C-alpha atoms as a PDB file:
ATOM      1  CA  GLU A   1       9.655 -22.868 -19.236  1.00  0.00           C
ATOM      2  CA  TYR A   2      12.979 -24.210 -20.390  1.00  0.00           C
ATOM      3  CA  ASP A   3      11.916 -27.788 -19.928  1.00  0.00           C
ATOM      4  CA  TYR A   4       8.815 -27.278 -22.098  1.00  0.00           C
ATOM      5  CA  GLY A   5      10.685 -27.009 -25.419  1.00  0.00           C
ATOM      6  CA  HIS A   6      13.854 -28.961 -24.595  1.00  0.00           C
ATOM      7  CA  ASN A   7      12.694 -32.211 -22.958  1.00  0.00           C
ATOM      8  CA  LEU A   8      11.472 -33.855 -26.203  1.00  0.00           C
ATOM      9  CA  ASP A   9      10.948 -37.472 -27.145  1.00  0.00           C
ATOM     10  CA  MET A  10      13.261 -37.592 -30.146  1.00  0.00           C
ATOM     11  CA  GLU A  11      12.618 -41.372 -30.608  1.00  0.00           C
ATOM     12  CA  HIS A  12       8.965 -40.886 -31.503  1.00  0.00           C
ATOM     13  CA  ALA A  13       9.216 -37.469 -33.217  1.00  0.00           C
ATOM     14  CA  ILE A  14       7.732 -37.346 -36.737  1.00  0.00           C
ATOM     15  CA  ILE A  15      10.392 -34.908 -37.998  1.00  0.00           C
ATOM     16  CA  LYS A  16      13.917 -35.279 -36.613  1.00  0.00           C
ATOM     17  CA  ILE A  17      16.242 -32.285 -36.913  1.00  0.00           C
ATOM     18  CA  PRO A  18      19.508 -32.620 -34.962  1.00  0.00           C
ATOM     19  CA  GLY A  19      20.027 -29.742 -32.545  1.00  0.00           C
ATOM     20  CA  MET A  20      16.550 -28.343 -33.090  1.00  0.00           C
ATOM     21  CA  SER A  21      14.514 -27.612 -29.984  1.00  0.00           C
ATOM     22  CA  TYR A  22      11.446 -25.504 -29.515  1.00  0.00           C
ATOM     23  CA  GLN A  23      12.174 -22.549 -27.229  1.00  0.00           C
ATOM     24  CA  PRO A  24       9.289 -20.060 -27.535  1.00  0.00           C
ATOM     25  CA  PRO A  25      10.257 -16.471 -26.944  1.00  0.00           C
ATOM     26  CA  LEU A  26       9.251 -14.926 -23.585  1.00  0.00           C
ATOM     27  CA  LEU A  27       8.705 -11.570 -25.343  1.00  0.00           C
ATOM     28  CA  GLY A  28       9.088 -10.779 -29.019  1.00  0.00           C
ATOM     29  CA  SER A  29       9.275 -12.965 -32.128  1.00  0.00           C
ATOM     30  CA  LYS A  30      11.507 -15.881 -33.152  1.00  0.00           C
ATOM     31  CA  GLN A  31      11.829 -17.818 -36.370  1.00  0.00           C
ATOM     32  CA  LEU A  32      11.564 -21.574 -35.828  1.00  0.00           C
ATOM     33  CA  LEU A  33      12.059 -23.471 -39.109  1.00  0.00           C
ATOM     34  CA  ASN A  34       9.157 -22.417 -41.362  1.00  0.00           C
ATOM     35  CA  PHE A  35       7.087 -20.519 -38.863  1.00  0.00           C
ATOM     36  CA  THR A  36       7.375 -17.473 -36.645  1.00  0.00           C
ATOM     37  CA  ALA A  37       6.519 -17.663 -32.962  1.00  0.00           C
ATOM     38  CA  THR A  38       5.450 -14.348 -31.439  1.00  0.00           C
ATOM     39  CA  SER A  39       4.828 -13.663 -27.792  1.00  0.00           C
ATOM     40  CA  LEU A  40       3.445 -10.296 -26.642  1.00  0.00           C
ATOM     41  CA  PRO A  41       1.774  -9.210 -23.378  1.00  0.00           C
ATOM     42  CA  GLY A  42      -2.002  -9.068 -23.364  1.00  0.00           C
ATOM     43  CA  ILE A  43      -4.351  -6.581 -21.774  1.00  0.00           C
ATOM     44  CA  GLY A  44      -3.471  -7.887 -18.314  1.00  0.00           C
ATOM     45  CA  GLY A  45       0.201  -7.170 -18.855  1.00  0.00           C
ATOM     46  CA  TYR A  46      -0.455  -3.640 -20.010  1.00  0.00           C
ATOM     47  CA  LEU A  47      -2.869  -2.950 -17.066  1.00  0.00           C
ATOM     48  CA  MET A  48      -0.219  -4.334 -14.644  1.00  0.00           C
ATOM     49  CA  ALA A  49       2.456  -2.050 -16.122  1.00  0.00           C
ATOM     50  CA  ALA A  50       0.107   0.952 -16.021  1.00  0.00           C
ATOM     51  CA  SER A  51      -0.807   0.399 -12.369  1.00  0.00           C
ATOM     52  CA  ALA A  52       2.857  -0.012 -11.380  1.00  0.00           C
ATOM     53  CA  LEU A  53       3.639   3.233 -13.187  1.00  0.00           C
ATOM     54  CA  ALA A  54       0.678   4.966 -11.474  1.00  0.00           C
ATOM     55  CA  GLY A  55       1.914   3.774  -8.095  1.00  0.00           C
ATOM     56  CA  LEU A  56       5.432   5.152  -8.705  1.00  0.00           C
ATOM     57  CA  ILE A  57       4.046   8.450  -9.821  1.00  0.00           C
ATOM     58  CA  ALA A  58       1.893   8.621  -6.699  1.00  0.00           C
ATOM     59  CA  ILE A  59       4.912   7.932  -4.454  1.00  0.00           C
ATOM     60  CA  PHE A  60       6.862  10.730  -6.004  1.00  0.00           C
ATOM     61  CA  LEU A  61       4.087  13.258  -6.106  1.00  0.00           C
ATOM     62  CA  ALA A  62       2.886  12.593  -2.548  1.00  0.00           C
ATOM     63  CA  PRO A  63       3.291  15.568  -0.231  1.00  0.00           C
ATOM     64  CA  ARG A  64       6.330  15.097   2.009  1.00  0.00           C
ATOM     65  CA  SER A  65       6.002  16.425   5.577  1.00  0.00           C
ATOM     66  CA  THR A  66       9.105  16.383   7.719  1.00  0.00           C
ATOM     67  CA  LYS A  67       7.600  17.907  10.847  1.00  0.00           C
ATOM     68  CA  ARG A  68       4.326  16.703  12.344  1.00  0.00           C
ATOM     69  CA  SER A  69       1.965  19.232  13.906  1.00  0.00           C
ATOM     70  CA  THR A  70       1.018  18.632  17.597  1.00  0.00           C
ATOM     71  CA  GLY A  71      -2.029  20.797  17.461  1.00  0.00           C
ATOM     72  CA  VAL A  72      -5.064  20.773  15.244  1.00  0.00           C
ATOM     73  CA  LYS A  73      -7.012  24.007  14.810  1.00  0.00           C
ATOM     74  CA  THR A  74     -10.675  23.206  15.107  1.00  0.00           C
ATOM     75  CA  ASN A  75     -12.049  26.732  14.847  1.00  0.00           C
ATOM     76  CA  GLU A  76     -10.896  30.317  15.443  1.00  0.00           C
ATOM     77  CA  ASN A  77     -11.292  30.234  19.256  1.00  0.00           C
ATOM     78  CA  THR A  78     -10.264  26.642  20.075  1.00  0.00           C
ATOM     79  CA  VAL A  79      -6.953  24.758  19.641  1.00  0.00           C
ATOM     80  CA  GLN A  80      -6.900  21.012  20.312  1.00  0.00           C
ATOM     81  CA  LYS A  81      -3.616  19.383  21.271  1.00  0.00           C
ATOM     82  CA  SER A  82      -3.022  15.644  20.961  1.00  0.00           C
ATOM     83  CA  GLY A  83      -4.287  13.757  23.932  1.00  0.00           C
ATOM     84  CA  SER A  84      -5.945  16.804  25.652  1.00  0.00           C
ATOM     85  CA  ASN A  85      -9.386  18.448  25.776  1.00  0.00           C
ATOM     86  CA  PRO A  86     -10.113  21.575  23.730  1.00  0.00           C
ATOM     87  CA  VAL A  87      -9.078  24.799  25.495  1.00  0.00           C
ATOM     88  CA  ALA A  88     -10.824  28.103  24.780  1.00  0.00           C
ATOM     89  CA  LYS A  89      -8.693  31.154  24.029  1.00  0.00           C
ATOM     90  CA  PRO A  90      -9.573  34.260  25.998  1.00  0.00           C
ATOM     91  CA  SER A  91     -11.392  36.853  23.969  1.00  0.00           C
ATOM     92  CA  VAL A  92      -9.800  40.224  23.546  1.00  0.00           C
ATOM     93  CA  GLY A  93     -11.558  43.397  24.905  1.00  0.00           C
ATOM     94  CA  VAL A  94     -15.276  44.059  24.857  1.00  0.00           C
END
């Protein structure tokens, strides 16, 4: 980007102003002689910023679990442990 406005052919330039080079602004506005150069993000920049913000919000709002459960309750009478077959609980009194 720097080379774009500073590597000029001063020998063949129509208007020669000592010390004047064209450095367009990355963001914002800048007065260059008799015109104003303005550079603002387009829709893609706004969408990129919104998606980054949504990602950060999702990271902070995600449920944090410090202890992992070893059993998964599949129904009232069966408990399944990791790496084992379901085991039926004995029924109480009939």
